[in-house]
Amino acid sequence: MSASQLVALAGNLRAVWTAPSTDARLKKRIVRTLIHEVVADLDDVASQIVLVIHWVGGVHTELRLPKRRRGQRNATPDDIVEAVRQLVLIANDDVIAGVLNRNGLTTGNGNRWTRERVTALRSYRRIPVFRPQIDGFEPWLNLGGAAKLLGVTPKTLRLAAEAGEIEGTHPLPEGSMDLQPFKTRVPRSASDP
């Protein structure tokens, strides 16, 4: 490939690379044309992988990537663990598994959630199990349960929680809003009974 062809390719590289008609084979040819070699090294002190790209034409680029810790590939992401910590306040492991699956979340190995997998995660992360209160006085309730208890519509209660008038969490987009209905009085709207 001549120098003028390389310059022309560089000017249109983004368009060629992102074009729907560009297949993997062409992308590989482009990469092989532009890159002479890639040298990888480990920086154990910084826990990083150091890549040095030797481009055709003599320029070098260094990239540093975080090195995975042992077992990190299979680890459940922290945001899912935090969601389970919130959901366990109002739901058992079966319900939590269903909520995680409805949100399209998977385990660290890419599996769907089951009651057993939620139980294993809770056990490993020392998250307490959901236990209904003996006296029936639950400090945390889902939106529907709290609305029924307070005699307001779920919409009124959700709006009050979003406005900060009542403490609540919404750990996942597709799932329940968890509320502490006894901490704050919720104003009734005109549409409430």
N, C-alpha and C. Protein backbone atom coordinates (compact mmCIF):
# COMPACT_ATOMS: atom_id res chain seq x y z
N MET A 1 0.85 -1.17 0.00
CA MET A 1 0.00 0.00 0.00
C MET A 1 0.90 1.23 0.00
N SER A 2 0.59 2.19 -0.87
CA SER A 2 1.42 3.39 -1.00
C SER A 2 1.11 4.37 0.12
N ALA A 3 2.00 5.35 0.30
CA ALA A 3 1.82 6.37 1.33
C ALA A 3 0.56 7.19 1.08
N SER A 4 0.28 7.51 -0.18
CA SER A 4 -0.92 8.30 -0.48
C SER A 4 -2.20 7.52 -0.17
N GLN A 5 -2.17 6.21 -0.38
CA GLN A 5 -3.34 5.39 -0.04
C GLN A 5 -3.55 5.33 1.47
N LEU A 6 -2.45 5.26 2.24
CA LEU A 6 -2.56 5.26 3.71
C LEU A 6 -3.14 6.58 4.21
N VAL A 7 -2.71 7.68 3.63
CA VAL A 7 -3.23 9.00 4.04
C VAL A 7 -4.71 9.09 3.72
N ALA A 8 -5.12 8.62 2.55
CA ALA A 8 -6.54 8.64 2.18
C ALA A 8 -7.36 7.76 3.12
N LEU A 9 -6.82 6.60 3.47
CA LEU A 9 -7.51 5.70 4.39
C LEU A 9 -7.64 6.34 5.77
N ALA A 10 -6.61 6.99 6.23
CA ALA A 10 -6.66 7.64 7.55
C ALA A 10 -7.74 8.72 7.59
N GLY A 11 -7.93 9.44 6.50
CA GLY A 11 -8.96 10.48 6.46
C GLY A 11 -10.37 9.93 6.53
N ASN A 12 -10.57 8.71 6.05
CA ASN A 12 -11.90 8.09 6.03
C ASN A 12 -12.02 6.91 6.99
N LEU A 13 -11.06 6.74 7.88
CA LEU A 13 -11.03 5.55 8.73
C LEU A 13 -12.29 5.41 9.58
N ARG A 14 -12.72 6.48 10.23
CA ARG A 14 -13.90 6.39 11.09
C ARG A 14 -15.13 5.99 10.28
N ALA A 15 -15.30 6.56 9.11
CA ALA A 15 -16.46 6.24 8.27
C ALA A 15 -16.41 4.79 7.81
N VAL A 16 -15.22 4.33 7.40
CA VAL A 16 -15.08 2.95 6.94
C VAL A 16 -15.30 1.98 8.10
N TRP A 17 -14.72 2.29 9.25
CA TRP A 17 -14.78 1.39 10.41
C TRP A 17 -16.21 1.22 10.92
N THR A 18 -16.99 2.30 10.94
CA THR A 18 -18.35 2.25 11.50
C THR A 18 -19.43 1.94 10.47
N ALA A 19 -19.06 1.82 9.21
CA ALA A 19 -20.06 1.53 8.17
C ALA A 19 -20.65 0.14 8.38
N PRO A 20 -21.97 0.02 8.24
CA PRO A 20 -22.61 -1.29 8.43
C PRO A 20 -22.10 -2.35 7.44
N SER A 21 -21.62 -1.91 6.30
CA SER A 21 -21.15 -2.87 5.30
C SER A 21 -19.73 -3.37 5.58
N THR A 22 -19.03 -2.78 6.55
CA THR A 22 -17.68 -3.20 6.88
C THR A 22 -17.74 -4.44 7.76
N ASP A 23 -17.18 -5.55 7.26
CA ASP A 23 -17.21 -6.79 8.03
C ASP A 23 -15.92 -6.95 8.83
N ALA A 24 -15.88 -7.98 9.66
CA ALA A 24 -14.73 -8.22 10.53
C ALA A 24 -13.45 -8.47 9.73
N ARG A 25 -13.58 -9.12 8.59
CA ARG A 25 -12.40 -9.41 7.78
C ARG A 25 -11.71 -8.12 7.32
N LEU A 26 -12.50 -7.14 6.86
CA LEU A 26 -11.93 -5.86 6.42
C LEU A 26 -11.30 -5.12 7.59
N LYS A 27 -11.96 -5.15 8.75
CA LYS A 27 -11.41 -4.48 9.93
C LYS A 27 -10.06 -5.09 10.31
N LYS A 28 -9.95 -6.41 10.23
CA LYS A 28 -8.68 -7.06 10.53
C LYS A 28 -7.60 -6.64 9.54
N ARG A 29 -7.95 -6.52 8.28
CA ARG A 29 -6.98 -6.08 7.27
C ARG A 29 -6.51 -4.66 7.56
N ILE A 30 -7.44 -3.80 7.97
CA ILE A 30 -7.07 -2.41 8.30
C ILE A 30 -6.11 -2.40 9.47
N VAL A 31 -6.43 -3.15 10.52
CA VAL A 31 -5.56 -3.19 11.70
C VAL A 31 -4.18 -3.73 11.34
N ARG A 32 -4.13 -4.78 10.55
CA ARG A 32 -2.83 -5.35 10.15
C ARG A 32 -2.03 -4.39 9.28
N THR A 33 -2.72 -3.53 8.54
CA THR A 33 -2.04 -2.55 7.70
C THR A 33 -1.46 -1.42 8.55
N LEU A 34 -2.15 -1.03 9.61
CA LEU A 34 -1.75 0.13 10.41
C LEU A 34 -0.81 -0.21 11.56
N ILE A 35 -0.88 -1.42 12.08
CA ILE A 35 -0.09 -1.79 13.26
C ILE A 35 1.01 -2.76 12.86
N HIS A 36 2.25 -2.41 13.25
CA HIS A 36 3.39 -3.28 12.99
C HIS A 36 3.41 -4.42 14.00
N GLU A 37 3.32 -4.08 15.31
CA GLU A 37 3.28 -5.10 16.35
C GLU A 37 2.74 -4.49 17.65
N VAL A 38 2.30 -5.37 18.55
CA VAL A 38 1.85 -4.97 19.88
C VAL A 38 2.65 -5.78 20.88
N VAL A 39 3.28 -5.08 21.83
CA VAL A 39 4.08 -5.73 22.86
C VAL A 39 3.33 -5.58 24.19
N ALA A 40 3.12 -6.69 24.88
CA ALA A 40 2.41 -6.68 26.16
C ALA A 40 3.39 -7.01 27.28
N ASP A 41 3.23 -6.31 28.41
CA ASP A 41 4.07 -6.55 29.58
C ASP A 41 3.19 -6.36 30.81
N LEU A 42 3.60 -6.94 31.92
CA LEU A 42 2.87 -6.79 33.17
C LEU A 42 3.59 -5.83 34.09
N ASP A 43 2.85 -4.92 34.69
CA ASP A 43 3.37 -4.04 35.73
C ASP A 43 2.72 -4.51 37.03
N ASP A 44 3.40 -5.43 37.73
CA ASP A 44 2.82 -6.02 38.94
C ASP A 44 2.66 -5.00 40.06
N VAL A 45 3.53 -4.00 40.11
CA VAL A 45 3.43 -2.99 41.16
C VAL A 45 2.14 -2.19 41.02
N ALA A 46 1.80 -1.78 39.79
CA ALA A 46 0.58 -1.01 39.55
C ALA A 46 -0.61 -1.91 39.26
N SER A 47 -0.39 -3.23 39.19
CA SER A 47 -1.43 -4.20 38.85
C SER A 47 -2.10 -3.83 37.53
N GLN A 48 -1.25 -3.63 36.51
CA GLN A 48 -1.73 -3.23 35.19
C GLN A 48 -1.06 -4.06 34.10
N ILE A 49 -1.73 -4.14 32.97
CA ILE A 49 -1.15 -4.71 31.76
C ILE A 49 -0.73 -3.53 30.89
N VAL A 50 0.52 -3.52 30.47
CA VAL A 50 1.05 -2.42 29.66
C VAL A 50 1.16 -2.91 28.21
N LEU A 51 0.44 -2.24 27.32
CA LEU A 51 0.50 -2.55 25.90
C LEU A 51 1.21 -1.42 25.17
N VAL A 52 2.19 -1.76 24.36
CA VAL A 52 2.88 -0.77 23.52
C VAL A 52 2.56 -1.13 22.07
N ILE A 53 1.87 -0.21 21.39
CA ILE A 53 1.49 -0.43 19.99
C ILE A 53 2.55 0.24 19.12
N HIS A 54 3.18 -0.53 18.25
CA HIS A 54 4.16 -0.01 17.29
C HIS A 54 3.42 0.16 15.97
N TRP A 55 3.13 1.40 15.62
CA TRP A 55 2.39 1.71 14.39
C TRP A 55 3.34 1.69 13.19
N VAL A 56 2.79 1.40 12.03
CA VAL A 56 3.56 1.52 10.79
C VAL A 56 3.92 3.00 10.65
N GLY A 57 5.17 3.29 10.44
CA GLY A 57 5.62 4.67 10.36
C GLY A 57 6.47 5.06 11.55
N GLY A 58 6.58 4.18 12.58
CA GLY A 58 7.51 4.41 13.66
C GLY A 58 6.95 5.02 14.93
N VAL A 59 5.70 5.40 14.97
CA VAL A 59 5.12 5.99 16.19
C VAL A 59 4.72 4.87 17.14
N HIS A 60 4.88 5.13 18.46
CA HIS A 60 4.51 4.15 19.48
C HIS A 60 3.45 4.74 20.39
N THR A 61 2.50 3.91 20.82
CA THR A 61 1.46 4.32 21.76
C THR A 61 1.44 3.33 22.91
N GLU A 62 1.43 3.85 24.14
CA GLU A 62 1.37 2.98 25.31
C GLU A 62 -0.03 3.04 25.91
N LEU A 63 -0.60 1.88 26.17
CA LEU A 63 -1.90 1.76 26.84
C LEU A 63 -1.72 0.97 28.12
N ARG A 64 -2.38 1.41 29.19
CA ARG A 64 -2.34 0.69 30.46
C ARG A 64 -3.75 0.25 30.81
N LEU A 65 -3.91 -1.04 31.02
CA LEU A 65 -5.22 -1.60 31.35
C LEU A 65 -5.16 -2.24 32.73
N PRO A 66 -6.24 -2.14 33.50
CA PRO A 66 -6.22 -2.78 34.82
C PRO A 66 -6.14 -4.29 34.69
N LYS A 67 -5.33 -4.89 35.53
CA LYS A 67 -5.16 -6.34 35.53
C LYS A 67 -6.24 -6.93 36.43
N ARG A 68 -6.92 -7.94 35.94
CA ARG A 68 -7.96 -8.59 36.75
C ARG A 68 -7.34 -9.31 37.93
N ARG A 69 -8.05 -9.22 39.05
CA ARG A 69 -7.65 -10.00 40.20
C ARG A 69 -8.16 -11.43 40.02
N ARG A 70 -7.57 -12.34 40.73
CA ARG A 70 -7.99 -13.74 40.65
C ARG A 70 -9.47 -13.85 41.01
N GLY A 71 -10.26 -14.48 40.15
CA GLY A 71 -11.69 -14.66 40.39
C GLY A 71 -12.55 -13.46 40.05
N GLN A 72 -11.96 -12.38 39.59
CA GLN A 72 -12.73 -11.16 39.31
C GLN A 72 -13.70 -11.36 38.14
N ARG A 73 -13.36 -12.18 37.18
CA ARG A 73 -14.21 -12.40 36.02
C ARG A 73 -15.57 -12.94 36.43
N ASN A 74 -15.60 -13.77 37.45
CA ASN A 74 -16.83 -14.41 37.87
C ASN A 74 -17.54 -13.65 38.99
N ALA A 75 -17.01 -12.53 39.40
CA ALA A 75 -17.59 -11.80 40.52
C ALA A 75 -18.89 -11.11 40.10
N THR A 76 -19.85 -11.11 41.01
CA THR A 76 -21.10 -10.39 40.78
C THR A 76 -20.82 -8.90 40.94
N PRO A 77 -21.25 -8.07 39.99
CA PRO A 77 -20.99 -6.63 40.07
C PRO A 77 -21.54 -6.01 41.36
N ASP A 78 -20.84 -4.98 41.86
CA ASP A 78 -21.21 -4.34 43.12
C ASP A 78 -22.60 -3.73 43.09
N ASP A 79 -23.05 -3.23 41.93
CA ASP A 79 -24.38 -2.62 41.88
C ASP A 79 -25.47 -3.67 42.09
N ILE A 80 -25.24 -4.90 41.65
CA ILE A 80 -26.22 -5.97 41.88
C ILE A 80 -26.21 -6.37 43.35
N VAL A 81 -25.03 -6.44 43.95
CA VAL A 81 -24.95 -6.77 45.38
C VAL A 81 -25.69 -5.72 46.20
N GLU A 82 -25.52 -4.45 45.85
CA GLU A 82 -26.21 -3.37 46.58
C GLU A 82 -27.72 -3.46 46.38
N ALA A 83 -28.16 -3.81 45.19
CA ALA A 83 -29.60 -3.98 44.94
C ALA A 83 -30.16 -5.11 45.80
N VAL A 84 -29.41 -6.20 45.93
CA VAL A 84 -29.87 -7.31 46.78
C VAL A 84 -29.94 -6.86 48.23
N ARG A 85 -28.97 -6.05 48.68
CA ARG A 85 -29.02 -5.53 50.05
C ARG A 85 -30.30 -4.73 50.30
N GLN A 86 -30.75 -3.98 49.30
CA GLN A 86 -31.99 -3.21 49.44
C GLN A 86 -33.22 -4.10 49.34
N LEU A 87 -33.22 -5.01 48.38
CA LEU A 87 -34.40 -5.85 48.16
C LEU A 87 -34.66 -6.82 49.30
N VAL A 88 -33.60 -7.23 50.01
CA VAL A 88 -33.78 -8.19 51.10
C VAL A 88 -34.56 -7.57 52.26
N LEU A 89 -34.72 -6.26 52.26
CA LEU A 89 -35.51 -5.60 53.30
C LEU A 89 -37.00 -5.90 53.15
N ILE A 90 -37.43 -6.24 51.93
CA ILE A 90 -38.87 -6.43 51.70
C ILE A 90 -39.23 -7.74 51.03
N ALA A 91 -38.24 -8.53 50.59
CA ALA A 91 -38.59 -9.68 49.76
C ALA A 91 -37.71 -10.89 50.07
N ASN A 92 -38.26 -12.07 49.80
CA ASN A 92 -37.48 -13.29 49.97
C ASN A 92 -36.64 -13.55 48.72
N ASP A 93 -35.84 -14.59 48.76
CA ASP A 93 -34.89 -14.86 47.68
C ASP A 93 -35.57 -15.17 46.35
N ASP A 94 -36.74 -15.84 46.38
CA ASP A 94 -37.47 -16.12 45.13
C ASP A 94 -37.86 -14.83 44.43
N VAL A 95 -38.41 -13.89 45.19
CA VAL A 95 -38.86 -12.62 44.62
C VAL A 95 -37.66 -11.82 44.12
N ILE A 96 -36.58 -11.81 44.89
CA ILE A 96 -35.37 -11.08 44.48
C ILE A 96 -34.84 -11.64 43.16
N ALA A 97 -34.81 -12.96 43.02
CA ALA A 97 -34.35 -13.58 41.77
C ALA A 97 -35.22 -13.13 40.60
N GLY A 98 -36.53 -13.08 40.80
CA GLY A 98 -37.43 -12.62 39.74
C GLY A 98 -37.19 -11.18 39.35
N VAL A 99 -36.97 -10.32 40.34
CA VAL A 99 -36.72 -8.90 40.06
C VAL A 99 -35.41 -8.73 39.29
N LEU A 100 -34.37 -9.44 39.71
CA LEU A 100 -33.08 -9.35 39.01
C LEU A 100 -33.21 -9.83 37.56
N ASN A 101 -33.95 -10.91 37.34
CA ASN A 101 -34.14 -11.43 35.98
C ASN A 101 -34.96 -10.47 35.13
N ARG A 102 -36.00 -9.85 35.70
CA ARG A 102 -36.82 -8.88 34.94
C ARG A 102 -35.99 -7.69 34.50
N ASN A 103 -34.94 -7.36 35.25
CA ASN A 103 -34.07 -6.25 34.90
C ASN A 103 -32.95 -6.68 33.96
N GLY A 104 -32.95 -7.94 33.54
CA GLY A 104 -31.94 -8.41 32.60
C GLY A 104 -30.57 -8.59 33.21
N LEU A 105 -30.49 -8.72 34.53
CA LEU A 105 -29.21 -8.86 35.22
C LEU A 105 -28.85 -10.34 35.34
N THR A 106 -27.57 -10.63 35.26
CA THR A 106 -27.11 -12.01 35.36
C THR A 106 -26.06 -12.13 36.45
N THR A 107 -25.75 -13.37 36.81
CA THR A 107 -24.71 -13.63 37.80
C THR A 107 -23.35 -13.32 37.19
N GLY A 108 -22.31 -13.42 38.00
CA GLY A 108 -20.96 -13.19 37.50
C GLY A 108 -20.57 -14.14 36.38
N ASN A 109 -21.19 -15.32 36.35
CA ASN A 109 -20.93 -16.30 35.29
C ASN A 109 -21.86 -16.13 34.10
N GLY A 110 -22.77 -15.15 34.15
CA GLY A 110 -23.68 -14.92 33.05
C GLY A 110 -24.96 -15.73 33.11
N ASN A 111 -25.25 -16.36 34.25
CA ASN A 111 -26.46 -17.17 34.39
C ASN A 111 -27.63 -16.33 34.88
N ARG A 112 -28.85 -16.85 34.64
CA ARG A 112 -30.05 -16.22 35.19
C ARG A 112 -30.06 -16.46 36.70
N TRP A 113 -30.76 -15.59 37.41
CA TRP A 113 -30.83 -15.71 38.86
C TRP A 113 -31.88 -16.74 39.26
N THR A 114 -31.56 -17.53 40.28
CA THR A 114 -32.50 -18.46 40.91
C THR A 114 -32.47 -18.19 42.41
N ARG A 115 -33.42 -18.78 43.11
CA ARG A 115 -33.44 -18.62 44.57
C ARG A 115 -32.11 -19.09 45.17
N GLU A 116 -31.60 -20.20 44.68
CA GLU A 116 -30.35 -20.75 45.21
C GLU A 116 -29.17 -19.81 44.97
N ARG A 117 -29.15 -19.18 43.80
CA ARG A 117 -28.04 -18.27 43.50
C ARG A 117 -28.12 -17.00 44.34
N VAL A 118 -29.33 -16.51 44.58
CA VAL A 118 -29.48 -15.34 45.46
C VAL A 118 -29.05 -15.72 46.87
N THR A 119 -29.46 -16.90 47.33
CA THR A 119 -29.07 -17.37 48.67
C THR A 119 -27.56 -17.48 48.78
N ALA A 120 -26.91 -18.02 47.75
CA ALA A 120 -25.44 -18.15 47.77
C ALA A 120 -24.78 -16.78 47.80
N LEU A 121 -25.30 -15.82 47.03
CA LEU A 121 -24.74 -14.47 47.04
C LEU A 121 -24.89 -13.83 48.41
N ARG A 122 -26.08 -13.96 49.01
CA ARG A 122 -26.31 -13.39 50.34
C ARG A 122 -25.36 -14.00 51.36
N SER A 123 -25.21 -15.32 51.28
CA SER A 123 -24.34 -16.01 52.23
C SER A 123 -22.89 -15.55 52.08
N TYR A 124 -22.41 -15.48 50.83
CA TYR A 124 -21.03 -15.08 50.58
C TYR A 124 -20.77 -13.64 51.00
N ARG A 125 -21.73 -12.76 50.74
CA ARG A 125 -21.58 -11.33 51.07
C ARG A 125 -22.11 -10.98 52.46
N ARG A 126 -22.53 -11.98 53.21
CA ARG A 126 -23.05 -11.81 54.57
C ARG A 126 -24.21 -10.82 54.63
N ILE A 127 -25.14 -10.99 53.70
CA ILE A 127 -26.36 -10.18 53.67
C ILE A 127 -27.43 -10.98 54.41
N PRO A 128 -28.07 -10.40 55.42
CA PRO A 128 -29.06 -11.17 56.19
C PRO A 128 -30.25 -11.58 55.34
N VAL A 129 -30.90 -12.66 55.75
CA VAL A 129 -32.06 -13.17 55.04
C VAL A 129 -33.29 -12.33 55.40
N PHE A 130 -34.24 -12.23 54.47
CA PHE A 130 -35.50 -11.54 54.75
C PHE A 130 -36.31 -12.39 55.71
N ARG A 131 -36.75 -11.78 56.80
CA ARG A 131 -37.62 -12.45 57.76
C ARG A 131 -38.76 -11.51 58.08
N PRO A 132 -40.00 -11.94 57.80
CA PRO A 132 -41.14 -11.10 58.17
C PRO A 132 -41.16 -10.91 59.69
N GLN A 133 -41.53 -9.72 60.13
CA GLN A 133 -41.59 -9.42 61.56
C GLN A 133 -42.70 -10.24 62.21
N ILE A 134 -42.46 -10.72 63.40
CA ILE A 134 -43.44 -11.53 64.12
C ILE A 134 -44.69 -10.72 64.44
N ASP A 135 -44.50 -9.45 64.81
CA ASP A 135 -45.65 -8.61 65.17
C ASP A 135 -46.36 -8.02 63.94
N GLY A 136 -45.85 -8.31 62.74
CA GLY A 136 -46.47 -7.80 61.52
C GLY A 136 -46.10 -6.36 61.20
N PHE A 137 -45.29 -5.73 62.03
CA PHE A 137 -44.88 -4.34 61.84
C PHE A 137 -43.59 -4.32 61.04
N GLU A 138 -43.70 -4.19 59.73
CA GLU A 138 -42.54 -4.20 58.84
C GLU A 138 -41.98 -2.78 58.72
N PRO A 139 -40.69 -2.57 59.03
CA PRO A 139 -40.12 -1.22 58.88
C PRO A 139 -40.01 -0.79 57.42
N TRP A 140 -39.82 -1.73 56.51
CA TRP A 140 -39.73 -1.43 55.08
C TRP A 140 -40.85 -2.17 54.37
N LEU A 141 -41.53 -1.49 53.46
CA LEU A 141 -42.61 -2.09 52.67
C LEU A 141 -42.42 -1.72 51.21
N ASN A 142 -42.98 -2.55 50.32
CA ASN A 142 -42.97 -2.15 48.92
C ASN A 142 -44.03 -1.06 48.72
N LEU A 143 -44.03 -0.45 47.56
CA LEU A 143 -44.90 0.70 47.30
C LEU A 143 -46.37 0.37 47.52
N GLY A 144 -46.83 -0.75 46.98
CA GLY A 144 -48.24 -1.12 47.13
C GLY A 144 -48.63 -1.36 48.57
N GLY A 145 -47.79 -2.08 49.31
CA GLY A 145 -48.08 -2.37 50.72
C GLY A 145 -48.09 -1.12 51.57
N ALA A 146 -47.14 -0.22 51.34
CA ALA A 146 -47.09 1.02 52.11
C ALA A 146 -48.28 1.91 51.79
N ALA A 147 -48.68 1.98 50.51
CA ALA A 147 -49.83 2.80 50.12
C ALA A 147 -51.10 2.28 50.77
N LYS A 148 -51.27 0.98 50.77
CA LYS A 148 -52.46 0.38 51.39
C LYS A 148 -52.49 0.66 52.89
N LEU A 149 -51.36 0.52 53.54
CA LEU A 149 -51.27 0.75 54.98
C LEU A 149 -51.58 2.20 55.33
N LEU A 150 -51.11 3.13 54.51
CA LEU A 150 -51.31 4.55 54.79
C LEU A 150 -52.62 5.09 54.24
N GLY A 151 -53.32 4.29 53.44
CA GLY A 151 -54.60 4.74 52.90
C GLY A 151 -54.48 5.78 51.80
N VAL A 152 -53.41 5.70 51.01
CA VAL A 152 -53.23 6.61 49.88
C VAL A 152 -52.99 5.76 48.63
N THR A 153 -53.03 6.41 47.48
CA THR A 153 -52.76 5.67 46.25
C THR A 153 -51.26 5.47 46.09
N PRO A 154 -50.86 4.40 45.40
CA PRO A 154 -49.44 4.19 45.16
C PRO A 154 -48.79 5.37 44.43
N LYS A 155 -49.52 6.02 43.53
CA LYS A 155 -48.96 7.16 42.79
C LYS A 155 -48.62 8.30 43.74
N THR A 156 -49.53 8.60 44.68
CA THR A 156 -49.27 9.67 45.65
C THR A 156 -48.04 9.36 46.48
N LEU A 157 -47.93 8.11 46.92
CA LEU A 157 -46.79 7.71 47.73
C LEU A 157 -45.49 7.76 46.93
N ARG A 158 -45.53 7.32 45.67
CA ARG A 158 -44.33 7.38 44.82
C ARG A 158 -43.88 8.81 44.62
N LEU A 159 -44.84 9.72 44.36
CA LEU A 159 -44.49 11.14 44.18
C LEU A 159 -43.91 11.72 45.46
N ALA A 160 -44.45 11.33 46.62
CA ALA A 160 -43.92 11.82 47.90
C ALA A 160 -42.50 11.31 48.11
N ALA A 161 -42.24 10.05 47.74
CA ALA A 161 -40.89 9.50 47.88
C ALA A 161 -39.92 10.19 46.93
N GLU A 162 -40.35 10.45 45.70
CA GLU A 162 -39.48 11.13 44.73
C GLU A 162 -39.19 12.56 45.15
N ALA A 163 -40.13 13.19 45.87
CA ALA A 163 -39.93 14.56 46.35
C ALA A 163 -39.13 14.60 47.65
N GLY A 164 -38.81 13.42 48.22
CA GLY A 164 -38.02 13.38 49.44
C GLY A 164 -38.85 13.54 50.71
N GLU A 165 -40.17 13.47 50.61
CA GLU A 165 -41.03 13.63 51.78
C GLU A 165 -41.11 12.36 52.61
N ILE A 166 -40.75 11.25 52.03
CA ILE A 166 -40.72 9.97 52.73
C ILE A 166 -39.48 9.22 52.26
N GLU A 167 -38.85 8.50 53.17
CA GLU A 167 -37.62 7.79 52.81
C GLU A 167 -37.96 6.56 51.97
N GLY A 168 -37.27 6.44 50.86
CA GLY A 168 -37.51 5.30 49.99
C GLY A 168 -36.33 5.05 49.08
N THR A 169 -36.22 3.83 48.60
CA THR A 169 -35.17 3.48 47.65
C THR A 169 -35.82 2.77 46.47
N HIS A 170 -35.19 2.88 45.34
CA HIS A 170 -35.64 2.18 44.12
C HIS A 170 -34.40 1.54 43.53
N PRO A 171 -34.01 0.35 44.03
CA PRO A 171 -32.72 -0.21 43.66
C PRO A 171 -32.57 -0.60 42.20
N LEU A 172 -33.68 -0.92 41.52
CA LEU A 172 -33.60 -1.33 40.12
C LEU A 172 -34.72 -0.69 39.32
N PRO A 173 -34.49 -0.38 38.05
CA PRO A 173 -35.53 0.27 37.24
C PRO A 173 -36.82 -0.54 37.15
N GLU A 174 -36.70 -1.86 36.95
CA GLU A 174 -37.87 -2.72 36.87
C GLU A 174 -38.01 -3.45 38.20
N GLY A 175 -38.74 -2.89 39.11
CA GLY A 175 -38.91 -3.54 40.40
C GLY A 175 -39.56 -2.60 41.38
N SER A 176 -39.63 -3.05 42.60
CA SER A 176 -40.37 -2.31 43.61
C SER A 176 -39.59 -1.11 44.12
N MET A 177 -40.35 -0.16 44.65
CA MET A 177 -39.78 0.95 45.40
C MET A 177 -39.96 0.56 46.86
N ASP A 178 -38.90 0.60 47.64
CA ASP A 178 -38.95 0.21 49.04
C ASP A 178 -39.09 1.47 49.88
N LEU A 179 -40.03 1.46 50.83
CA LEU A 179 -40.33 2.65 51.61
C LEU A 179 -40.35 2.35 53.09
N GLN A 180 -40.07 3.38 53.89
CA GLN A 180 -40.24 3.32 55.33
C GLN A 180 -41.43 4.21 55.68
N PRO A 181 -42.65 3.69 55.63
CA PRO A 181 -43.83 4.53 55.77
C PRO A 181 -44.03 5.12 57.16
N PHE A 182 -43.38 4.59 58.18
CA PHE A 182 -43.63 5.07 59.53
C PHE A 182 -42.70 6.22 59.93
N LYS A 183 -41.77 6.60 59.08
CA LYS A 183 -40.85 7.69 59.41
C LYS A 183 -41.44 9.05 59.11
N THR A 184 -42.37 9.15 58.16
CA THR A 184 -42.91 10.44 57.72
C THR A 184 -44.38 10.29 57.40
N ARG A 185 -45.17 11.31 57.72
CA ARG A 185 -46.57 11.32 57.30
C ARG A 185 -46.64 11.79 55.86
N VAL A 186 -47.41 11.10 55.07
CA VAL A 186 -47.55 11.44 53.66
C VAL A 186 -48.81 12.26 53.49
N PRO A 187 -48.72 13.45 52.85
CA PRO A 187 -49.92 14.25 52.62
C PRO A 187 -50.85 13.55 51.64
N ARG A 188 -52.13 13.62 51.89
CA ARG A 188 -53.12 13.03 50.98
C ARG A 188 -53.38 13.97 49.83
N SER A 189 -53.53 13.39 48.64
CA SER A 189 -53.88 14.21 47.48
C SER A 189 -55.39 14.24 47.36
N ALA A 190 -55.90 15.09 46.50
CA ALA A 190 -57.35 15.23 46.32
C ALA A 190 -57.95 13.95 45.76
N SER A 191 -57.16 13.14 45.05
CA SER A 191 -57.69 11.92 44.43
C SER A 191 -57.71 10.74 45.40
N ASP A 192 -57.07 10.87 46.58
CA ASP A 192 -57.04 9.77 47.54
C ASP A 192 -58.34 9.70 48.32
N PRO A 193 -58.75 8.50 48.75
CA PRO A 193 -59.97 8.35 49.53
C PRO A 193 -59.86 8.96 50.91
